[in-house]
Amino acid sequence: MSKKVRWGVLGAARIAWRRVIPAMQHGPYSEVIALASRNLEKARTTAEPLGIPKVYGSYEELLADPEIDAIYNPLPNHLHIPWTQKAMQAGKHVLCEKPFALNLAELEKFIKFCGDYPHLKVGEAFMVKSHPLWHEVRRQVQSGAFGEVRSIHGHFSYFNANPENVRNVPEWGGGGMYDIGVYPLTLSRYVLNSEPRSVMAMLERDPEMGIDHLGSALLDFGGIHSIFTCSMQMIGHQTFEILGTKKRLEVKIPYNAPEDRKNIFTSYFGDFSREDGEVQEFDLCNQYTLQGNNFSKAILEDGEVPVSLEDTWGNTAALEAIFESAKTGKQVEVKQRS
């Protein structure tokens, strides 16, 4: 293998051409050399402005290219596991967009499948976990800087009521919880370094499209509560806040970290009437570039991928409990991996 991992991209998803591909092209360990679409002309018009030299009119043709080392899979949610499996069968490492799986049953089946491909790296694309800001937040939580953490509050919303958008097709794994609710969920698990024990949740579904357009969940991490709301039909807004016995922390832009200015979080040590917080800044960076770097280094150096399948299992178990709680109106225990 060359000093850079040679990547191919399945599909022309917006997240790919707008965010992930340009960012990976700026990384020292990655180069995107091919893109496939079921429409060859769409593949060409997407690849050309990005400087991608190879285009294919089918995913199968791209997977058959021996010059490609790894695949980025940003296809609609229901196609994540099927095409990740096909890529691995073609001998490719795979970085797959979130949510990796729609339920535990399909994820567990996939994990067994991976046993036949121990030499291949596979992981979920949670770019937030590559950002230095979150590494520092987790370090402070684990160091006791908050005293005892009591509560986490999160919010993520934007407006998308287009019935033709893949995020609004329920049979394709659409809906707000899969699309954006996963962020406050996974970051709660990450900073606490633990798994929720149980969950209470509510979902509101669009009467025409059927997807969950508004969702809220309360997760019990053994005496620590994580509470978040997500919506695909609300004014755009993002928050993430951690409250402990010694301090409170707010992340300015928690999920879509800015690329053109420093990202920050602010710590508060006084009561609610004081707003003289302590600001911590982080150098300019692109979390998608860092994600690509980290995954490519894992391939080149035979290291650990940024988000393992074990971590994906924990997030999927919590998501499954959220949907079950919303369906039954009851508190649901989150399955723990033995």
Protein backbone atom coordinates (compact mmCIF):
# COMPACT_ATOMS: atom_id res chain seq x y z
CA MET A 1 0.00 0.00 0.00
CA SER A 2 1.20 3.55 -0.73
CA LYS A 3 1.84 6.12 1.99
CA LYS A 4 -1.69 7.42 1.42
CA VAL A 5 -4.85 5.37 1.57
CA ARG A 6 -6.66 5.48 -1.76
CA TRP A 7 -10.37 5.99 -1.17
CA GLY A 8 -13.44 5.36 -3.28
CA VAL A 9 -16.86 6.85 -2.52
CA LEU A 10 -20.19 5.07 -3.00
CA GLY A 11 -22.83 7.52 -4.23
CA ALA A 12 -23.01 11.27 -4.59
CA ALA A 13 -24.59 12.13 -1.24
CA ARG A 14 -24.52 15.77 -0.19
CA ILE A 15 -22.57 15.00 2.97
CA ALA A 16 -19.91 13.37 0.79
CA TRP A 17 -19.28 16.08 -1.81
CA ARG A 18 -19.90 19.03 0.48
CA ARG A 19 -18.15 17.95 3.68
CA VAL A 20 -16.28 14.67 3.73
CA ILE A 21 -14.48 14.42 0.37
CA PRO A 22 -12.99 17.97 0.34
CA ALA A 23 -11.86 17.50 3.94
CA MET A 24 -10.24 14.12 3.30
CA GLN A 25 -8.41 15.52 0.29
CA HIS A 26 -6.64 17.96 2.60
CA GLY A 27 -5.41 15.19 4.89
CA PRO A 28 -1.85 13.81 4.68
CA TYR A 29 -2.92 10.16 4.77
CA SER A 30 -5.91 10.09 2.40
CA GLU A 31 -6.62 10.63 -1.27
CA VAL A 32 -10.02 10.20 -2.89
CA ILE A 33 -9.42 8.68 -6.31
CA ALA A 34 -12.85 7.36 -7.35
CA LEU A 35 -16.57 8.00 -7.03
CA ALA A 36 -19.49 5.86 -8.18
CA SER A 37 -23.13 6.64 -8.80
CA ARG A 38 -25.89 4.62 -10.37
CA ASN A 39 -26.01 7.51 -12.85
CA LEU A 40 -22.66 7.90 -14.62
CA GLU A 41 -23.31 11.51 -15.56
CA LYS A 42 -24.10 12.36 -11.95
CA ALA A 43 -20.86 10.70 -10.92
CA ARG A 44 -18.95 12.84 -13.43
CA THR A 45 -20.57 16.13 -12.45
CA THR A 46 -19.93 15.38 -8.78
CA ALA A 47 -16.36 14.17 -9.18
CA GLU A 48 -15.03 16.79 -11.62
CA PRO A 49 -15.12 19.87 -9.36
CA LEU A 50 -13.59 17.79 -6.57
CA GLY A 51 -10.70 16.67 -8.76
CA ILE A 52 -11.57 12.97 -8.44
CA PRO A 53 -9.98 11.21 -11.44
CA LYS A 54 -12.09 8.04 -11.65
CA VAL A 55 -15.85 7.76 -12.03
CA TYR A 56 -18.08 4.73 -12.29
CA GLY A 57 -21.72 4.20 -13.25
CA SER A 58 -22.23 1.45 -10.70
CA TYR A 59 -21.05 0.66 -7.19
CA GLU A 60 -19.93 -2.81 -8.29
CA GLU A 61 -17.48 -1.34 -10.82
CA LEU A 62 -15.87 0.83 -8.16
CA LEU A 63 -15.54 -2.09 -5.73
CA ALA A 64 -13.81 -4.11 -8.46
CA ASP A 65 -11.09 -1.46 -8.90
CA PRO A 66 -7.85 -2.97 -7.48
CA GLU A 67 -6.30 0.47 -6.94
CA ILE A 68 -8.86 1.38 -4.26
CA ASP A 69 -7.86 0.52 -0.69
CA ALA A 70 -10.85 1.81 1.27
CA ILE A 71 -14.48 2.81 0.80
CA TYR A 72 -16.45 5.69 2.27
CA ASN A 73 -20.13 4.69 2.41
CA PRO A 74 -22.58 7.62 2.72
CA LEU A 75 -25.52 5.80 1.11
CA PRO A 76 -29.05 5.97 2.62
CA ASN A 77 -29.20 4.35 6.05
CA HIS A 78 -30.80 1.08 4.97
CA LEU A 79 -27.92 0.49 2.54
CA HIS A 80 -25.12 0.97 5.05
CA ILE A 81 -24.63 -2.64 6.08
CA PRO A 82 -25.41 -4.30 2.70
CA TRP A 83 -22.85 -2.23 0.78
CA THR A 84 -20.32 -2.28 3.59
CA GLN A 85 -20.45 -6.07 3.39
CA LYS A 86 -20.02 -6.01 -0.39
CA ALA A 87 -17.07 -3.66 -0.06
CA MET A 88 -15.41 -5.96 2.48
CA GLN A 89 -16.04 -8.96 0.25
CA ALA A 90 -14.14 -7.01 -2.42
CA GLY A 91 -11.22 -6.62 0.01
CA LYS A 92 -11.81 -2.97 0.97
CA HIS A 93 -11.66 -1.27 4.34
CA VAL A 94 -14.85 0.72 5.06
CA LEU A 95 -15.74 3.95 6.81
CA CYS A 96 -19.55 3.95 6.95
CA GLU A 97 -21.79 6.89 7.76
CA LYS A 98 -23.94 6.89 10.86
CA PRO A 99 -26.17 5.24 11.83
CA PHE A 100 -24.20 2.15 10.91
CA ALA A 101 -27.16 -0.12 11.68
CA LEU A 102 -30.90 0.37 12.17
CA ASN A 103 -31.20 -2.29 14.89
CA LEU A 104 -29.14 -4.66 16.99
CA ALA A 105 -30.18 -7.78 15.09
CA GLU A 106 -28.64 -6.63 11.82
CA LEU A 107 -25.57 -5.23 13.59
CA GLU A 108 -24.89 -8.45 15.47
CA LYS A 109 -25.23 -10.43 12.24
CA PHE A 110 -22.77 -8.03 10.62
CA ILE A 111 -20.28 -8.37 13.48
CA LYS A 112 -20.30 -12.14 12.97
CA PHE A 113 -19.73 -11.53 9.25
CA CYS A 114 -16.65 -9.44 10.11
CA GLY A 115 -15.06 -12.48 11.71
CA ASP A 116 -14.21 -13.68 8.20
CA TYR A 117 -12.34 -10.45 7.44
CA PRO A 118 -10.04 -9.78 10.42
CA HIS A 119 -7.51 -7.94 8.23
CA LEU A 120 -10.01 -5.24 7.21
CA LYS A 121 -10.76 -2.06 9.14
CA VAL A 122 -14.41 -1.03 9.46
CA GLY A 123 -15.96 1.74 11.51
CA GLU A 124 -18.72 4.33 11.88
CA ALA A 125 -18.28 7.93 10.75
CA PHE A 126 -18.89 10.00 13.88
CA MET A 127 -16.62 12.91 13.00
CA VAL A 128 -17.26 14.65 16.33
CA LYS A 129 -15.16 12.04 18.13
CA SER A 130 -12.09 13.19 16.19
CA HIS A 131 -12.35 16.82 17.33
CA PRO A 132 -9.85 17.89 20.04
CA LEU A 133 -12.62 19.78 21.83
CA TRP A 134 -14.43 16.57 22.69
CA HIS A 135 -11.24 14.87 23.76
CA GLU A 136 -10.74 17.69 26.27
CA VAL A 137 -14.35 17.63 27.46
CA ARG A 138 -14.10 13.90 28.09
CA ARG A 139 -10.76 14.34 29.88
CA GLN A 140 -12.25 16.95 32.20
CA VAL A 141 -15.32 14.83 32.97
CA GLN A 142 -13.18 11.80 33.74
CA SER A 143 -10.69 13.84 35.81
CA GLY A 144 -13.38 15.06 38.21
CA ALA A 145 -13.21 18.70 37.12
CA PHE A 146 -17.03 18.86 37.26
CA GLY A 147 -17.18 17.26 40.69
CA GLU A 148 -19.95 14.73 40.23
CA VAL A 149 -21.72 15.06 36.88
CA ARG A 150 -25.47 15.20 37.43
CA SER A 151 -27.02 16.05 34.07
CA ILE A 152 -26.33 16.51 30.36
CA HIS A 153 -28.63 18.58 28.13
CA GLY A 154 -28.52 18.45 24.34
CA HIS A 155 -30.47 19.86 21.40
CA PHE A 156 -30.09 19.47 17.64
CA SER A 157 -32.57 20.73 15.05
CA TYR A 158 -32.94 21.92 11.47
CA PHE A 159 -35.82 22.17 8.98
CA ASN A 160 -36.35 19.59 6.25
CA ALA A 161 -39.91 18.81 5.14
CA ASN A 162 -39.04 17.65 1.61
CA PRO A 163 -40.75 14.25 1.06
CA GLU A 164 -38.20 13.39 -1.67
CA ASN A 165 -35.25 13.75 0.70
CA VAL A 166 -33.83 10.39 1.82
CA ARG A 167 -34.05 11.53 5.46
CA ASN A 168 -37.82 11.67 5.13
CA VAL A 169 -38.33 8.12 3.82
CA PRO A 170 -39.10 5.80 6.76
CA GLU A 171 -38.35 2.55 4.93
CA TRP A 172 -34.88 3.91 4.15
CA GLY A 173 -34.10 4.56 7.80
CA GLY A 174 -35.20 8.19 7.75
CA GLY A 175 -36.18 10.32 10.71
CA GLY A 176 -34.67 12.76 13.16
CA MET A 177 -33.46 10.31 15.78
CA TYR A 178 -31.33 8.35 13.28
CA ASP A 179 -30.12 11.52 11.55
CA ILE A 180 -29.28 13.92 14.38
CA GLY A 181 -30.46 12.48 17.69
CA VAL A 182 -27.50 10.13 17.47
CA TYR A 183 -25.13 13.05 18.15
CA PRO A 184 -26.16 14.05 21.69
CA LEU A 185 -26.63 10.33 22.37
CA THR A 186 -23.15 9.26 21.31
CA LEU A 187 -21.47 12.28 22.91
CA SER A 188 -23.22 11.59 26.23
CA ARG A 189 -21.86 8.06 26.13
CA TYR A 190 -18.43 9.32 25.07
CA VAL A 191 -17.86 11.97 27.73
CA LEU A 192 -19.27 9.78 30.51
CA ASN A 193 -17.38 6.73 29.25
CA SER A 194 -20.35 4.55 30.17
CA GLU A 195 -23.60 3.15 28.81
CA PRO A 196 -27.14 4.22 29.72
CA ARG A 197 -29.09 1.77 31.87
CA SER A 198 -32.60 2.78 30.81
CA VAL A 199 -34.46 5.33 28.73
CA MET A 200 -37.77 7.16 28.51
CA ALA A 201 -38.58 8.66 25.12
CA MET A 202 -41.26 10.42 23.09
CA LEU A 203 -41.48 10.72 19.30
CA GLU A 204 -43.80 12.79 17.13
CA ARG A 205 -44.25 11.50 13.59
CA ASP A 206 -45.07 13.46 10.46
CA PRO A 207 -48.66 12.50 9.51
CA GLU A 208 -47.83 12.25 5.81
CA MET A 209 -44.22 11.05 5.62
CA GLY A 210 -44.29 8.86 8.73
CA ILE A 211 -40.79 9.74 9.94
CA ASP A 212 -40.12 10.99 13.47
CA HIS A 213 -39.74 14.74 13.05
CA LEU A 214 -39.52 15.51 16.78
CA GLY A 215 -38.01 13.33 19.46
CA SER A 216 -36.90 13.61 23.07
CA ALA A 217 -35.16 11.13 25.31
CA LEU A 218 -34.11 10.89 28.93
CA LEU A 219 -31.34 8.40 29.54
CA ASP A 220 -30.31 7.17 32.98
CA PHE A 221 -26.57 6.55 33.30
CA GLY A 222 -26.85 5.29 36.86
CA GLY A 223 -27.78 8.49 38.63
CA ILE A 224 -26.68 10.79 35.80
CA HIS A 225 -29.38 11.97 33.41
CA SER A 226 -28.81 12.82 29.76
CA ILE A 227 -31.76 14.68 28.27
CA PHE A 228 -31.93 15.70 24.63
CA THR A 229 -34.35 16.80 21.93
CA CYS A 230 -33.90 16.54 18.17
CA SER A 231 -36.11 17.79 15.35
CA MET A 232 -36.08 17.87 11.56
CA GLN A 233 -38.90 20.40 11.43
CA MET A 234 -37.69 23.18 13.72
CA ILE A 235 -35.49 26.22 13.41
CA GLY A 236 -31.85 25.23 13.29
CA HIS A 237 -30.13 25.15 16.68
CA GLN A 238 -27.47 23.16 18.53
CA THR A 239 -26.59 22.87 22.22
CA PHE A 240 -24.67 20.58 24.54
CA GLU A 241 -24.33 21.32 28.23
CA ILE A 242 -22.85 19.35 31.14
CA LEU A 243 -23.78 20.17 34.74
CA GLY A 244 -21.90 18.90 37.76
CA THR A 245 -21.57 19.71 41.42
CA LYS A 246 -18.59 22.02 40.79
CA LYS A 247 -19.10 23.53 37.37
CA ARG A 248 -21.25 23.80 34.25
CA LEU A 249 -19.92 23.62 30.69
CA GLU A 250 -21.50 24.77 27.43
CA VAL A 251 -20.15 23.85 24.00
CA LYS A 252 -20.71 26.70 21.54
CA ILE A 253 -21.35 24.69 18.35
CA PRO A 254 -21.24 21.06 19.46
CA TYR A 255 -21.96 19.01 16.35
CA ASN A 256 -21.20 21.00 13.17
CA ALA A 257 -17.97 22.48 14.47
CA PRO A 258 -16.96 25.57 12.43
CA GLU A 259 -14.02 25.31 10.06
CA ASP A 260 -13.40 29.04 9.65
CA ARG A 261 -12.98 30.00 13.30
CA LYS A 262 -11.90 28.50 16.57
CA ASN A 263 -14.40 26.31 18.35
CA ILE A 264 -14.92 26.97 22.05
CA PHE A 265 -16.53 25.79 25.21
CA THR A 266 -17.27 27.88 28.26
CA SER A 267 -17.08 26.76 31.89
CA TYR A 268 -19.15 28.42 34.60
CA PHE A 269 -18.39 28.09 38.31
CA GLY A 270 -20.91 30.49 39.87
CA ASP A 271 -24.67 30.38 40.24
CA PHE A 272 -27.19 30.95 37.45
CA SER A 273 -27.02 34.75 37.78
CA ARG A 274 -23.34 34.88 36.78
CA GLU A 275 -22.27 34.84 33.15
CA ASP A 276 -18.51 35.46 33.57
CA GLY A 277 -17.48 32.10 32.24
CA GLU A 278 -14.01 30.77 31.51
CA VAL A 279 -13.59 30.30 27.74
CA GLN A 280 -11.34 27.63 26.25
CA GLU A 281 -10.49 27.90 22.55
CA PHE A 282 -9.34 25.21 20.15
CA ASP A 283 -7.19 25.78 17.09
CA LEU A 284 -8.77 25.82 13.66
CA CYS A 285 -9.37 22.32 12.39
CA ASN A 286 -11.74 20.32 10.22
CA GLN A 287 -13.20 17.36 12.09
CA TYR A 288 -13.85 15.54 8.82
CA THR A 289 -10.18 15.85 7.87
CA LEU A 290 -9.21 14.52 11.29
CA GLN A 291 -11.67 11.65 10.92
CA GLY A 292 -10.16 10.69 7.56
CA ASN A 293 -6.63 11.01 8.93
CA ASN A 294 -7.40 8.83 11.94
CA PHE A 295 -9.10 6.12 9.91
CA SER A 296 -6.39 6.11 7.23
CA LYS A 297 -3.66 5.88 9.89
CA ALA A 298 -5.49 2.91 11.41
CA ILE A 299 -5.25 1.21 8.01
CA LEU A 300 -1.62 2.16 7.37
CA GLU A 301 -0.40 1.32 10.87
CA ASP A 302 -2.82 -1.52 11.69
CA GLY A 303 -4.24 0.50 14.58
CA GLU A 304 -7.66 1.06 16.09
CA VAL A 305 -10.33 2.87 14.07
CA PRO A 306 -11.79 6.06 15.63
CA VAL A 307 -15.23 4.53 16.25
CA SER A 308 -15.21 0.78 16.78
CA LEU A 309 -18.04 -1.67 16.17
CA GLU A 310 -18.19 -2.17 19.93
CA ASP A 311 -18.96 1.52 20.34
CA THR A 312 -21.50 1.29 17.51
CA TRP A 313 -23.16 -1.60 19.35
CA GLY A 314 -23.67 0.60 22.43
CA ASN A 315 -25.20 3.43 20.43
CA THR A 316 -27.47 1.04 18.52
CA ALA A 317 -28.67 -0.57 21.75
CA ALA A 318 -29.60 2.83 23.16
CA LEU A 319 -31.36 3.82 19.93
CA GLU A 320 -33.34 0.60 19.96
CA ALA A 321 -34.46 1.30 23.53
CA ILE A 322 -35.45 4.86 22.59
CA PHE A 323 -37.73 3.63 19.81
CA GLU A 324 -39.21 0.93 22.06
CA SER A 325 -39.91 3.42 24.85
CA ALA A 326 -41.58 5.84 22.45
CA LYS A 327 -43.72 2.99 21.09
CA THR A 328 -44.82 1.60 24.46
CA GLY A 329 -44.83 4.77 26.55
CA LYS A 330 -42.78 2.95 29.18
CA GLN A 331 -39.30 3.14 30.61
CA VAL A 332 -37.13 0.60 28.78
CA GLU A 333 -33.90 -0.99 29.93
CA VAL A 334 -31.00 -0.64 27.52
CA LYS A 335 -29.48 -3.96 26.52
CA GLN A 336 -25.91 -4.32 27.75
CA ARG A 337 -23.29 -6.22 25.81
CA SER A 338 -21.99 -9.25 27.69
